[in-house]
Amino acid sequence: MAETLKQCATCFGEGTIGSEHGPVSCMDCCGLGRLPPSFHLRERRLRELEQAYTAQPELARDLRFLVHEVRTAQHALMQVMAAAMDAPAHDALAARIRFVSNQALGLYPVTEEESQSS
């Protein structure tokens, strides 16, 4: 599944949306007109969830645990990807590890030929 920077569907790539007070920066793309990589979108959503459930102590405790687990897994995968980047460029296994790690983390855009070769 190739991921590229997609045009924002909220502002239609303009970076601004209309409001009662005139044009304002789009909240989804932060005024860029295209969505940030999924890594950033995932972190933004985790923060939104943390803020939304702070008033409910029972849910907040469970949610903090799950958010911590997601962030821990992301960090571990980032370490695996970094270790694979230290391998020689011709190492096929390291290239596959980098590709799969990036696919899960969403750090870099993936071109069509990269997704077909892996």
PDB file of N, CA and C in Angstrom:
ATOM      1  N   MET A   1       0.841  -1.170   0.000  1.00  0.00           N
ATOM      2  CA  MET A   1       0.000   0.000   0.000  1.00  0.00           C
ATOM      3  C   MET A   1       0.888   1.235   0.000  1.00  0.00           C
ATOM      4  N   ALA A   2       0.970   1.903  -1.090  1.00  0.00           N
ATOM      5  CA  ALA A   2       1.817   3.079  -1.205  1.00  0.00           C
ATOM      6  C   ALA A   2       1.150   4.267  -0.538  1.00  0.00           C
ATOM      7  N   GLU A   3       1.921   4.962   0.256  1.00  0.00           N
ATOM      8  CA  GLU A   3       1.407   6.147   0.926  1.00  0.00           C
ATOM      9  C   GLU A   3       2.150   7.359   0.422  1.00  0.00           C
ATOM     10  N   THR A   4       1.420   8.303  -0.089  1.00  0.00           N
ATOM     11  CA  THR A   4       2.013   9.556  -0.508  1.00  0.00           C
ATOM     12  C   THR A   4       1.286  10.661   0.239  1.00  0.00           C
ATOM     13  N   LEU A   5       1.818  11.882   0.161  1.00  0.00           N
ATOM     14  CA  LEU A   5       1.153  12.997   0.793  1.00  0.00           C
ATOM     15  C   LEU A   5      -0.092  13.325  -0.016  1.00  0.00           C
ATOM     16  N   LYS A   6      -1.242  13.075   0.571  1.00  0.00           N
ATOM     17  CA  LYS A   6      -2.506  13.223  -0.130  1.00  0.00           C
ATOM     18  C   LYS A   6      -3.076  14.616   0.085  1.00  0.00           C
ATOM     19  N   GLN A   7      -3.817  15.070  -0.904  1.00  0.00           N
ATOM     20  CA  GLN A   7      -4.478  16.357  -0.798  1.00  0.00           C
ATOM     21  C   GLN A   7      -5.510  16.288   0.320  1.00  0.00           C
ATOM     22  N   CYS A   8      -5.574  17.342   1.107  1.00  0.00           N
ATOM     23  CA  CYS A   8      -6.512  17.403   2.225  1.00  0.00           C
ATOM     24  C   CYS A   8      -7.937  17.469   1.684  1.00  0.00           C
ATOM     25  N   ALA A   9      -8.797  16.599   2.190  1.00  0.00           N
ATOM     26  CA  ALA A   9     -10.182  16.566   1.740  1.00  0.00           C
ATOM     27  C   ALA A   9     -11.030  17.639   2.424  1.00  0.00           C
ATOM     28  N   THR A  10     -10.559  18.168   3.529  1.00  0.00           N
ATOM     29  CA  THR A  10     -11.322  19.193   4.244  1.00  0.00           C
ATOM     30  C   THR A  10     -11.248  20.532   3.532  1.00  0.00           C
ATOM     31  N   CYS A  11     -10.042  20.943   3.147  1.00  0.00           N
ATOM     32  CA  CYS A  11      -9.857  22.252   2.501  1.00  0.00           C
ATOM     33  C   CYS A  11      -9.643  22.130   0.989  1.00  0.00           C
ATOM     34  N   PHE A  12      -9.684  20.913   0.460  1.00  0.00           N
ATOM     35  CA  PHE A  12      -9.477  20.647  -0.967  1.00  0.00           C
ATOM     36  C   PHE A  12      -8.130  21.176  -1.461  1.00  0.00           C
ATOM     37  N   GLY A  13      -7.107  21.078  -0.600  1.00  0.00           N
ATOM     38  CA  GLY A  13      -5.768  21.480  -0.986  1.00  0.00           C
ATOM     39  C   GLY A  13      -5.491  22.971  -0.886  1.00  0.00           C
ATOM     40  N   GLU A  14      -6.452  23.752  -0.427  1.00  0.00           N
ATOM     41  CA  GLU A  14      -6.272  25.199  -0.337  1.00  0.00           C
ATOM     42  C   GLU A  14      -5.515  25.631   0.920  1.00  0.00           C
ATOM     43  N   GLY A  15      -5.638  24.864   2.006  1.00  0.00           N
ATOM     44  CA  GLY A  15      -4.975  25.224   3.253  1.00  0.00           C
ATOM     45  C   GLY A  15      -5.818  26.083   4.166  1.00  0.00           C
ATOM     46  N   THR A  16      -6.921  26.607   3.647  1.00  0.00           N
ATOM     47  CA  THR A  16      -7.821  27.420   4.460  1.00  0.00           C
ATOM     48  C   THR A  16      -9.252  26.939   4.279  1.00  0.00           C
ATOM     49  N   ILE A  17     -10.049  27.189   5.300  1.00  0.00           N
ATOM     50  CA  ILE A  17     -11.481  26.887   5.229  1.00  0.00           C
ATOM     51  C   ILE A  17     -12.240  28.123   5.680  1.00  0.00           C
ATOM     52  N   GLY A  18     -13.476  28.233   5.258  1.00  0.00           N
ATOM     53  CA  GLY A  18     -14.296  29.373   5.634  1.00  0.00           C
ATOM     54  C   GLY A  18     -14.867  29.206   7.028  1.00  0.00           C
ATOM     55  N   SER A  19     -15.008  30.310   7.725  1.00  0.00           N
ATOM     56  CA  SER A  19     -15.638  30.304   9.045  1.00  0.00           C
ATOM     57  C   SER A  19     -16.474  31.568   9.183  1.00  0.00           C
ATOM     58  N   GLU A  20     -17.127  31.730  10.317  1.00  0.00           N
ATOM     59  CA  GLU A  20     -17.929  32.928  10.562  1.00  0.00           C
ATOM     60  C   GLU A  20     -17.073  34.184  10.608  1.00  0.00           C
ATOM     61  N   HIS A  21     -15.780  34.008  10.864  1.00  0.00           N
ATOM     62  CA  HIS A  21     -14.866  35.140  10.983  1.00  0.00           C
ATOM     63  C   HIS A  21     -13.929  35.247   9.786  1.00  0.00           C
ATOM     64  N   GLY A  22     -14.269  34.640   8.680  1.00  0.00           N
ATOM     65  CA  GLY A  22     -13.431  34.682   7.493  1.00  0.00           C
ATOM     66  C   GLY A  22     -12.593  33.430   7.365  1.00  0.00           C
ATOM     67  N   PRO A  23     -11.679  33.396   6.398  1.00  0.00           N
ATOM     68  CA  PRO A  23     -10.850  32.207   6.191  1.00  0.00           C
ATOM     69  C   PRO A  23      -9.922  31.946   7.381  1.00  0.00           C
ATOM     70  N   VAL A  24      -9.836  30.677   7.756  1.00  0.00           N
ATOM     71  CA  VAL A  24      -8.920  30.256   8.820  1.00  0.00           C
ATOM     72  C   VAL A  24      -8.124  29.057   8.326  1.00  0.00           C
ATOM     73  N   SER A  25      -6.999  28.816   8.957  1.00  0.00           N
ATOM     74  CA  SER A  25      -6.147  27.682   8.607  1.00  0.00           C
ATOM     75  C   SER A  25      -6.902  26.374   8.840  1.00  0.00           C
ATOM     76  N   CYS A  26      -6.759  25.455   7.928  1.00  0.00           N
ATOM     77  CA  CYS A  26      -7.411  24.148   8.044  1.00  0.00           C
ATOM     78  C   CYS A  26      -6.809  23.384   9.224  1.00  0.00           C
ATOM     79  N   MET A  27      -7.651  22.828  10.077  1.00  0.00           N
ATOM     80  CA  MET A  27      -7.178  22.099  11.251  1.00  0.00           C
ATOM     81  C   MET A  27      -6.592  20.731  10.881  1.00  0.00           C
ATOM     82  N   ASP A  28      -7.061  20.143   9.803  1.00  0.00           N
ATOM     83  CA  ASP A  28      -6.596  18.809   9.432  1.00  0.00           C
ATOM     84  C   ASP A  28      -5.193  18.812   8.840  1.00  0.00           C
ATOM     85  N   CYS A  29      -4.895  19.799   8.016  1.00  0.00           N
ATOM     86  CA  CYS A  29      -3.584  19.835   7.354  1.00  0.00           C
ATOM     87  C   CYS A  29      -2.703  20.963   7.862  1.00  0.00           C
ATOM     88  N   CYS A  30      -3.165  21.704   8.845  1.00  0.00           N
ATOM     89  CA  CYS A  30      -2.417  22.833   9.429  1.00  0.00           C
ATOM     90  C   CYS A  30      -2.064  23.886   8.375  1.00  0.00           C
ATOM     91  N   GLY A  31      -2.923  24.050   7.389  1.00  0.00           N
ATOM     92  CA  GLY A  31      -2.716  25.077   6.376  1.00  0.00           C
ATOM     93  C   GLY A  31      -1.809  24.681   5.230  1.00  0.00           C
ATOM     94  N   LEU A  32      -1.362  23.423   5.182  1.00  0.00           N
ATOM     95  CA  LEU A  32      -0.438  22.986   4.133  1.00  0.00           C
ATOM     96  C   LEU A  32      -1.141  22.604   2.832  1.00  0.00           C
ATOM     97  N   GLY A  33      -2.394  22.200   2.922  1.00  0.00           N
ATOM     98  CA  GLY A  33      -3.113  21.762   1.732  1.00  0.00           C
ATOM     99  C   GLY A  33      -2.977  20.277   1.449  1.00  0.00           C
ATOM    100  N   ARG A  34      -2.070  19.617   2.139  1.00  0.00           N
ATOM    101  CA  ARG A  34      -1.912  18.166   1.993  1.00  0.00           C
ATOM    102  C   ARG A  34      -1.733  17.575   3.386  1.00  0.00           C
ATOM    103  N   LEU A  35      -2.167  16.352   3.522  1.00  0.00           N
ATOM    104  CA  LEU A  35      -2.098  15.711   4.830  1.00  0.00           C
ATOM    105  C   LEU A  35      -0.664  15.357   5.179  1.00  0.00           C
ATOM    106  N   PRO A  36      -0.295  15.521   6.439  1.00  0.00           N
ATOM    107  CA  PRO A  36       1.041  15.112   6.857  1.00  0.00           C
ATOM    108  C   PRO A  36       1.151  13.591   6.837  1.00  0.00           C
ATOM    109  N   PRO A  37       2.354  13.044   6.954  1.00  0.00           N
ATOM    110  CA  PRO A  37       2.505  11.582   6.981  1.00  0.00           C
ATOM    111  C   PRO A  37       1.696  10.958   8.123  1.00  0.00           C
ATOM    112  N   SER A  38       1.362   9.694   7.973  1.00  0.00           N
ATOM    113  CA  SER A  38       0.499   9.023   8.951  1.00  0.00           C
ATOM    114  C   SER A  38       1.114   9.000  10.346  1.00  0.00           C
ATOM    115  N   PHE A  39       2.444   9.060  10.447  1.00  0.00           N
ATOM    116  CA  PHE A  39       3.093   9.101  11.749  1.00  0.00           C
ATOM    117  C   PHE A  39       2.614  10.319  12.542  1.00  0.00           C
ATOM    118  N   HIS A  40       2.536  11.456  11.876  1.00  0.00           N
ATOM    119  CA  HIS A  40       2.090  12.682  12.531  1.00  0.00           C
ATOM    120  C   HIS A  40       0.594  12.644  12.817  1.00  0.00           C
ATOM    121  N   LEU A  41      -0.181  12.119  11.881  1.00  0.00           N
ATOM    122  CA  LEU A  41      -1.619  12.012  12.105  1.00  0.00           C
ATOM    123  C   LEU A  41      -1.929  11.088  13.280  1.00  0.00           C
ATOM    124  N   ARG A  42      -1.178   9.999  13.404  1.00  0.00           N
ATOM    125  CA  ARG A  42      -1.381   9.059  14.502  1.00  0.00           C
ATOM    126  C   ARG A  42      -1.071   9.715  15.844  1.00  0.00           C
ATOM    127  N   GLU A  43       0.025  10.452  15.911  1.00  0.00           N
ATOM    128  CA  GLU A  43       0.399  11.125  17.161  1.00  0.00           C
ATOM    129  C   GLU A  43      -0.625  12.197  17.524  1.00  0.00           C
ATOM    130  N   ARG A  44      -1.112  12.932  16.528  1.00  0.00           N
ATOM    131  CA  ARG A  44      -2.133  13.946  16.789  1.00  0.00           C
ATOM    132  C   ARG A  44      -3.399  13.306  17.356  1.00  0.00           C
ATOM    133  N   ARG A  45      -3.798  12.185  16.779  1.00  0.00           N
ATOM    134  CA  ARG A  45      -5.008  11.506  17.248  1.00  0.00           C
ATOM    135  C   ARG A  45      -4.817  10.947  18.654  1.00  0.00           C
ATOM    136  N   LEU A  46      -3.637  10.424  18.969  1.00  0.00           N
ATOM    137  CA  LEU A  46      -3.364   9.935  20.323  1.00  0.00           C
ATOM    138  C   LEU A  46      -3.487  11.071  21.335  1.00  0.00           C
ATOM    139  N   ARG A  47      -2.969  12.233  20.998  1.00  0.00           N
ATOM    140  CA  ARG A  47      -3.065  13.383  21.896  1.00  0.00           C
ATOM    141  C   ARG A  47      -4.507  13.836  22.069  1.00  0.00           C
ATOM    142  N   GLU A  48      -5.277  13.828  20.975  1.00  0.00           N
ATOM    143  CA  GLU A  48      -6.687  14.194  21.068  1.00  0.00           C
ATOM    144  C   GLU A  48      -7.434  13.242  21.987  1.00  0.00           C
ATOM    145  N   LEU A  49      -7.153  11.947  21.867  1.00  0.00           N
ATOM    146  CA  LEU A  49      -7.799  10.963  22.739  1.00  0.00           C
ATOM    147  C   LEU A  49      -7.413  11.171  24.202  1.00  0.00           C
ATOM    148  N   GLU A  50      -6.138  11.445  24.448  1.00  0.00           N
ATOM    149  CA  GLU A  50      -5.697  11.694  25.819  1.00  0.00           C
ATOM    150  C   GLU A  50      -6.425  12.888  26.427  1.00  0.00           C
ATOM    151  N   GLN A  51      -6.587  13.952  25.658  1.00  0.00           N
ATOM    152  CA  GLN A  51      -7.258  15.142  26.162  1.00  0.00           C
ATOM    153  C   GLN A  51      -8.755  14.927  26.336  1.00  0.00           C
ATOM    154  N   ALA A  52      -9.350  14.150  25.449  1.00  0.00           N
ATOM    155  CA  ALA A  52     -10.801  13.953  25.491  1.00  0.00           C
ATOM    156  C   ALA A  52     -11.251  13.161  26.717  1.00  0.00           C
ATOM    157  N   TYR A  53     -10.412  12.281  27.222  1.00  0.00           N
ATOM    158  CA  TYR A  53     -10.837  11.403  28.306  1.00  0.00           C
ATOM    159  C   TYR A  53     -10.177  11.714  29.650  1.00  0.00           C
ATOM    160  N   THR A  54      -9.576  12.882  29.792  1.00  0.00           N
ATOM    161  CA  THR A  54      -8.950  13.212  31.080  1.00  0.00           C
ATOM    162  C   THR A  54      -9.976  13.407  32.185  1.00  0.00           C
ATOM    163  N   ALA A  55     -11.182  13.801  31.842  1.00  0.00           N
ATOM    164  CA  ALA A  55     -12.218  14.040  32.860  1.00  0.00           C
ATOM    165  C   ALA A  55     -12.825  12.743  33.398  1.00  0.00           C
ATOM    166  N   GLN A  56     -12.593  11.630  32.731  1.00  0.00           N
ATOM    167  CA  GLN A  56     -13.152  10.341  33.158  1.00  0.00           C
ATOM    168  C   GLN A  56     -12.002   9.454  33.643  1.00  0.00           C
ATOM    169  N   PRO A  57     -11.754   9.443  34.963  1.00  0.00           N
ATOM    170  CA  PRO A  57     -10.563   8.768  35.497  1.00  0.00           C
ATOM    171  C   PRO A  57     -10.437   7.293  35.126  1.00  0.00           C
ATOM    172  N   GLU A  58     -11.537   6.556  35.138  1.00  0.00           N
ATOM    173  CA  GLU A  58     -11.448   5.116  34.824  1.00  0.00           C
ATOM    174  C   GLU A  58     -11.032   4.902  33.374  1.00  0.00           C
ATOM    175  N   LEU A  59     -11.654   5.639  32.466  1.00  0.00           N
ATOM    176  CA  LEU A  59     -11.291   5.517  31.050  1.00  0.00           C
ATOM    177  C   LEU A  59      -9.911   6.095  30.786  1.00  0.00           C
ATOM    178  N   ALA A  60      -9.587   7.190  31.439  1.00  0.00           N
ATOM    179  CA  ALA A  60      -8.299   7.842  31.210  1.00  0.00           C
ATOM    180  C   ALA A  60      -7.141   6.922  31.568  1.00  0.00           C
ATOM    181  N   ARG A  61      -7.275   6.154  32.640  1.00  0.00           N
ATOM    182  CA  ARG A  61      -6.202   5.246  33.052  1.00  0.00           C
ATOM    183  C   ARG A  61      -5.972   4.175  31.987  1.00  0.00           C
ATOM    184  N   ASP A  62      -7.052   3.571  31.510  1.00  0.00           N
ATOM    185  CA  ASP A  62      -6.933   2.546  30.471  1.00  0.00           C
ATOM    186  C   ASP A  62      -6.409   3.133  29.163  1.00  0.00           C
ATOM    187  N   LEU A  63      -6.888   4.312  28.835  1.00  0.00           N
ATOM    188  CA  LEU A  63      -6.452   4.953  27.602  1.00  0.00           C
ATOM    189  C   LEU A  63      -4.973   5.323  27.669  1.00  0.00           C
ATOM    190  N   ARG A  64      -4.519   5.839  28.804  1.00  0.00           N
ATOM    191  CA  ARG A  64      -3.099   6.162  28.950  1.00  0.00           C
ATOM    192  C   ARG A  64      -2.237   4.918  28.771  1.00  0.00           C
ATOM    193  N   PHE A  65      -2.714   3.785  29.290  1.00  0.00           N
ATOM    194  CA  PHE A  65      -1.981   2.528  29.121  1.00  0.00           C
ATOM    195  C   PHE A  65      -1.878   2.160  27.641  1.00  0.00           C
ATOM    196  N   LEU A  66      -3.005   2.222  26.927  1.00  0.00           N
ATOM    197  CA  LEU A  66      -3.005   1.856  25.506  1.00  0.00           C
ATOM    198  C   LEU A  66      -2.151   2.819  24.674  1.00  0.00           C
ATOM    199  N   VAL A  67      -2.241   4.099  24.969  1.00  0.00           N
ATOM    200  CA  VAL A  67      -1.432   5.088  24.250  1.00  0.00           C
ATOM    201  C   VAL A  67       0.051   4.834  24.507  1.00  0.00           C
ATOM    202  N   HIS A  68       0.387   4.510  25.747  1.00  0.00           N
ATOM    203  CA  HIS A  68       1.775   4.188  26.078  1.00  0.00           C
ATOM    204  C   HIS A  68       2.242   2.958  25.289  1.00  0.00           C
ATOM    205  N   GLU A  69       1.408   1.949  25.175  1.00  0.00           N
ATOM    206  CA  GLU A  69       1.759   0.746  24.423  1.00  0.00           C
ATOM    207  C   GLU A  69       1.987   1.067  22.944  1.00  0.00           C
ATOM    208  N   VAL A  70       1.133   1.902  22.360  1.00  0.00           N
ATOM    209  CA  VAL A  70       1.292   2.288  20.954  1.00  0.00           C
ATOM    210  C   VAL A  70       2.611   3.036  20.766  1.00  0.00           C
ATOM    211  N   ARG A  71       2.881   3.977  21.648  1.00  0.00           N
ATOM    212  CA  ARG A  71       4.112   4.749  21.521  1.00  0.00           C
ATOM    213  C   ARG A  71       5.350   3.887  21.744  1.00  0.00           C
ATOM    214  N   THR A  72       5.267   2.935  22.665  1.00  0.00           N
ATOM    215  CA  THR A  72       6.393   2.023  22.913  1.00  0.00           C
ATOM    216  C   THR A  72       6.657   1.156  21.685  1.00  0.00           C
ATOM    217  N   ALA A  73       5.583   0.643  21.075  1.00  0.00           N
ATOM    218  CA  ALA A  73       5.737  -0.179  19.878  1.00  0.00           C
ATOM    219  C   ALA A  73       6.315   0.650  18.727  1.00  0.00           C
ATOM    220  N   GLN A  74       5.853   1.885  18.575  1.00  0.00           N
ATOM    221  CA  GLN A  74       6.395   2.760  17.534  1.00  0.00           C
ATOM    222  C   GLN A  74       7.879   3.016  17.764  1.00  0.00           C
ATOM    223  N   HIS A  75       8.253   3.250  19.006  1.00  0.00           N
ATOM    224  CA  HIS A  75       9.648   3.505  19.324  1.00  0.00           C
ATOM    225  C   HIS A  75      10.513   2.278  19.005  1.00  0.00           C
ATOM    226  N   ALA A  76      10.024   1.103  19.361  1.00  0.00           N
ATOM    227  CA  ALA A  76      10.771  -0.125  19.073  1.00  0.00           C
ATOM    228  C   ALA A  76      10.930  -0.318  17.568  1.00  0.00           C
ATOM    229  N   LEU A  77       9.873  -0.074  16.825  1.00  0.00           N
ATOM    230  CA  LEU A  77       9.938  -0.216  15.377  1.00  0.00           C
ATOM    231  C   LEU A  77      10.881   0.820  14.768  1.00  0.00           C
ATOM    232  N   MET A  78      10.914   2.004  15.352  1.00  0.00           N
ATOM    233  CA  MET A  78      11.837   3.037  14.884  1.00  0.00           C
ATOM    234  C   MET A  78      13.285   2.590  15.112  1.00  0.00           C
ATOM    235  N   GLN A  79      13.552   1.935  16.230  1.00  0.00           N
ATOM    236  CA  GLN A  79      14.892   1.439  16.515  1.00  0.00           C
ATOM    237  C   GLN A  79      15.287   0.332  15.534  1.00  0.00           C
ATOM    238  N   VAL A  80      14.344  -0.537  15.195  1.00  0.00           N
ATOM    239  CA  VAL A  80      14.600  -1.596  14.217  1.00  0.00           C
ATOM    240  C   VAL A  80      14.914  -0.975  12.855  1.00  0.00           C
ATOM    241  N   MET A  81      14.141   0.044  12.484  1.00  0.00           N
ATOM    242  CA  MET A  81      14.361   0.709  11.202  1.00  0.00           C
ATOM    243  C   MET A  81      15.728   1.396  11.177  1.00  0.00           C
ATOM    244  N   ALA A  82      16.090   2.047  12.268  1.00  0.00           N
ATOM    245  CA  ALA A  82      17.391   2.719  12.348  1.00  0.00           C
ATOM    246  C   ALA A  82      18.529   1.712  12.235  1.00  0.00           C
ATOM    247  N   ALA A  83      18.393   0.553  12.872  1.00  0.00           N
ATOM    248  CA  ALA A  83      19.425  -0.485  12.784  1.00  0.00           C
ATOM    249  C   ALA A  83      19.542  -1.005  11.351  1.00  0.00           C
ATOM    250  N   ALA A  84      18.409  -1.141  10.662  1.00  0.00           N
ATOM    251  CA  ALA A  84      18.427  -1.605   9.277  1.00  0.00           C
ATOM    252  C   ALA A  84      19.052  -0.568   8.354  1.00  0.00           C
ATOM    253  N   MET A  85      18.970   0.694   8.717  1.00  0.00           N
ATOM    254  CA  MET A  85      19.572   1.741   7.884  1.00  0.00           C
ATOM    255  C   MET A  85      21.087   1.721   7.973  1.00  0.00           C
ATOM    256  N   ASP A  86      21.634   1.134   9.024  1.00  0.00           N
ATOM    257  CA  ASP A  86      23.087   1.030   9.161  1.00  0.00           C
ATOM    258  C   ASP A  86      23.672  -0.077   8.282  1.00  0.00           C
ATOM    259  N   ALA A  87      22.835  -0.954   7.776  1.00  0.00           N
ATOM    260  CA  ALA A  87      23.293  -2.059   6.927  1.00  0.00           C
ATOM    261  C   ALA A  87      23.684  -1.528   5.547  1.00  0.00           C
ATOM    262  N   PRO A  88      24.510  -2.269   4.820  1.00  0.00           N
ATOM    263  CA  PRO A  88      24.891  -1.844   3.469  1.00  0.00           C
ATOM    264  C   PRO A  88      23.666  -1.717   2.553  1.00  0.00           C
ATOM    265  N   ALA A  89      23.763  -0.847   1.572  1.00  0.00           N
ATOM    266  CA  ALA A  89      22.638  -0.567   0.672  1.00  0.00           C
ATOM    267  C   ALA A  89      22.193  -1.794  -0.119  1.00  0.00           C
ATOM    268  N   HIS A  90      23.123  -2.725  -0.417  1.00  0.00           N
ATOM    269  CA  HIS A  90      22.773  -3.894  -1.231  1.00  0.00           C
ATOM    270  C   HIS A  90      22.181  -5.038  -0.410  1.00  0.00           C
ATOM    271  N   ASP A  91      22.059  -4.881   0.893  1.00  0.00           N
ATOM    272  CA  ASP A  91      21.519  -5.928   1.765  1.00  0.00           C
ATOM    273  C   ASP A  91      19.995  -6.008   1.585  1.00  0.00           C
ATOM    274  N   ALA A  92      19.529  -7.096   0.969  1.00  0.00           N
ATOM    275  CA  ALA A  92      18.104  -7.245   0.648  1.00  0.00           C
ATOM    276  C   ALA A  92      17.236  -7.345   1.899  1.00  0.00           C
ATOM    277  N   LEU A  93      17.704  -8.062   2.915  1.00  0.00           N
ATOM    278  CA  LEU A  93      16.928  -8.196   4.145  1.00  0.00           C
ATOM    279  C   LEU A  93      16.766  -6.854   4.853  1.00  0.00           C
ATOM    280  N   ALA A  94      17.830  -6.072   4.919  1.00  0.00           N
ATOM    281  CA  ALA A  94      17.760  -4.746   5.542  1.00  0.00           C
ATOM    282  C   ALA A  94      16.824  -3.830   4.761  1.00  0.00           C
ATOM    283  N   ALA A  95      16.856  -3.933   3.437  1.00  0.00           N
ATOM    284  CA  ALA A  95      15.954  -3.119   2.612  1.00  0.00           C
ATOM    285  C   ALA A  95      14.503  -3.481   2.883  1.00  0.00           C
ATOM    286  N   ARG A  96      14.235  -4.773   3.013  1.00  0.00           N
ATOM    287  CA  ARG A  96      12.865  -5.227   3.316  1.00  0.00           C
ATOM    288  C   ARG A  96      12.427  -4.741   4.701  1.00  0.00           C
ATOM    289  N   ILE A  97      13.322  -4.817   5.681  1.00  0.00           N
ATOM    290  CA  ILE A  97      13.012  -4.345   7.039  1.00  0.00           C
ATOM    291  C   ILE A  97      12.722  -2.847   7.022  1.00  0.00           C
ATOM    292  N   ARG A  98      13.534  -2.080   6.285  1.00  0.00           N
ATOM    293  CA  ARG A  98      13.304  -0.636   6.188  1.00  0.00           C
ATOM    294  C   ARG A  98      11.951  -0.345   5.552  1.00  0.00           C
ATOM    295  N   PHE A  99      11.628  -1.081   4.493  1.00  0.00           N
ATOM    296  CA  PHE A  99      10.365  -0.844   3.792  1.00  0.00           C
ATOM    297  C   PHE A  99       9.170  -1.165   4.676  1.00  0.00           C
ATOM    298  N   VAL A 100       9.190  -2.330   5.311  1.00  0.00           N
ATOM    299  CA  VAL A 100       8.046  -2.740   6.149  1.00  0.00           C
ATOM    300  C   VAL A 100       7.916  -1.825   7.370  1.00  0.00           C
ATOM    301  N   SER A 101       9.034  -1.455   7.968  1.00  0.00           N
ATOM    302  CA  SER A 101       9.001  -0.538   9.116  1.00  0.00           C
ATOM    303  C   SER A 101       8.423   0.808   8.705  1.00  0.00           C
ATOM    304  N   ASN A 102       8.867   1.319   7.571  1.00  0.00           N
ATOM    305  CA  ASN A 102       8.353   2.592   7.098  1.00  0.00           C
ATOM    306  C   ASN A 102       6.878   2.499   6.748  1.00  0.00           C
ATOM    307  N   GLN A 103       6.463   1.386   6.224  1.00  0.00           N
ATOM    308  CA  GLN A 103       5.057   1.199   5.894  1.00  0.00           C
ATOM    309  C   GLN A 103       4.196   1.287   7.157  1.00  0.00           C
ATOM    310  N   ALA A 104       4.657   0.721   8.251  1.00  0.00           N
ATOM    311  CA  ALA A 104       3.909   0.759   9.504  1.00  0.00           C
ATOM    312  C   ALA A 104       3.997   2.127  10.174  1.00  0.00           C
ATOM    313  N   LEU A 105       5.174   2.745  10.138  1.00  0.00           N
ATOM    314  CA  LEU A 105       5.366   4.025  10.811  1.00  0.00           C
ATOM    315  C   LEU A 105       4.871   5.213   9.987  1.00  0.00           C
ATOM    316  N   GLY A 106       4.975   5.121   8.681  1.00  0.00           N
ATOM    317  CA  GLY A 106       4.547   6.211   7.819  1.00  0.00           C
ATOM    318  C   GLY A 106       5.461   7.420   7.884  1.00  0.00           C
ATOM    319  N   LEU A 107       6.772   7.209   7.986  1.00  0.00           N
ATOM    320  CA  LEU A 107       7.709   8.328   8.088  1.00  0.00           C
ATOM    321  C   LEU A 107       8.011   8.967   6.742  1.00  0.00           C
ATOM    322  N   TYR A 108       8.197   8.145   5.715  1.00  0.00           N
ATOM    323  CA  TYR A 108       8.591   8.633   4.402  1.00  0.00           C
ATOM    324  C   TYR A 108       7.562   8.203   3.374  1.00  0.00           C
ATOM    325  N   PRO A 109       7.333   9.049   2.356  1.00  0.00           N
ATOM    326  CA  PRO A 109       6.432   8.624   1.284  1.00  0.00           C
ATOM    327  C   PRO A 109       7.030   7.445   0.514  1.00  0.00           C
ATOM    328  N   VAL A 110       6.199   6.543   0.060  1.00  0.00           N
ATOM    329  CA  VAL A 110       6.641   5.361  -0.675  1.00  0.00           C
ATOM    330  C   VAL A 110       6.225   5.522  -2.127  1.00  0.00           C
ATOM    331  N   THR A 111       7.188   5.327  -3.030  1.00  0.00           N
ATOM    332  CA  THR A 111       6.867   5.415  -4.447  1.00  0.00           C
ATOM    333  C   THR A 111       6.293   4.085  -4.919  1.00  0.00           C
ATOM    334  N   GLU A 112       5.642   4.111  -6.064  1.00  0.00           N
ATOM    335  CA  GLU A 112       4.997   2.919  -6.601  1.00  0.00           C
ATOM    336  C   GLU A 112       5.996   1.798  -6.880  1.00  0.00           C
ATOM    337  N   GLU A 113       7.184   2.134  -7.431  1.00  0.00           N
ATOM    338  CA  GLU A 113       8.168   1.078  -7.728  1.00  0.00           C
ATOM    339  C   GLU A 113       8.736   0.456  -6.465  1.00  0.00           C
ATOM    340  N   GLU A 114       8.854   1.235  -5.378  1.00  0.00           N
ATOM    341  CA  GLU A 114       9.330   0.682  -4.107  1.00  0.00           C
ATOM    342  C   GLU A 114       8.320  -0.321  -3.536  1.00  0.00           C
ATOM    343  N   SER A 115       7.045   0.002  -3.652  1.00  0.00           N
ATOM    344  CA  SER A 115       6.027  -0.895  -3.103  1.00  0.00           C
ATOM    345  C   SER A 115       5.917  -2.182  -3.927  1.00  0.00           C
ATOM    346  N   GLN A 116       6.191  -2.128  -5.222  1.00  0.00           N
ATOM    347  CA  GLN A 116       6.116  -3.320  -6.059  1.00  0.00           C
ATOM    348  C   GLN A 116       7.347  -4.210  -5.887  1.00  0.00           C
ATOM    349  N   SER A 117       8.503  -3.604  -5.592  1.00  0.00           N
ATOM    350  CA  SER A 117       9.720  -4.390  -5.471  1.00  0.00           C
ATOM    351  C   SER A 117       9.819  -5.102  -4.136  1.00  0.00           C
ATOM    352  N   SER A 118       9.065  -4.669  -3.130  1.00  0.00           N
ATOM    353  CA  SER A 118       9.156  -5.304  -1.815  1.00  0.00           C
ATOM    354  C   SER A 118       8.034  -6.254  -1.548  1.00  0.00           C
TER     355      SER A 118
END
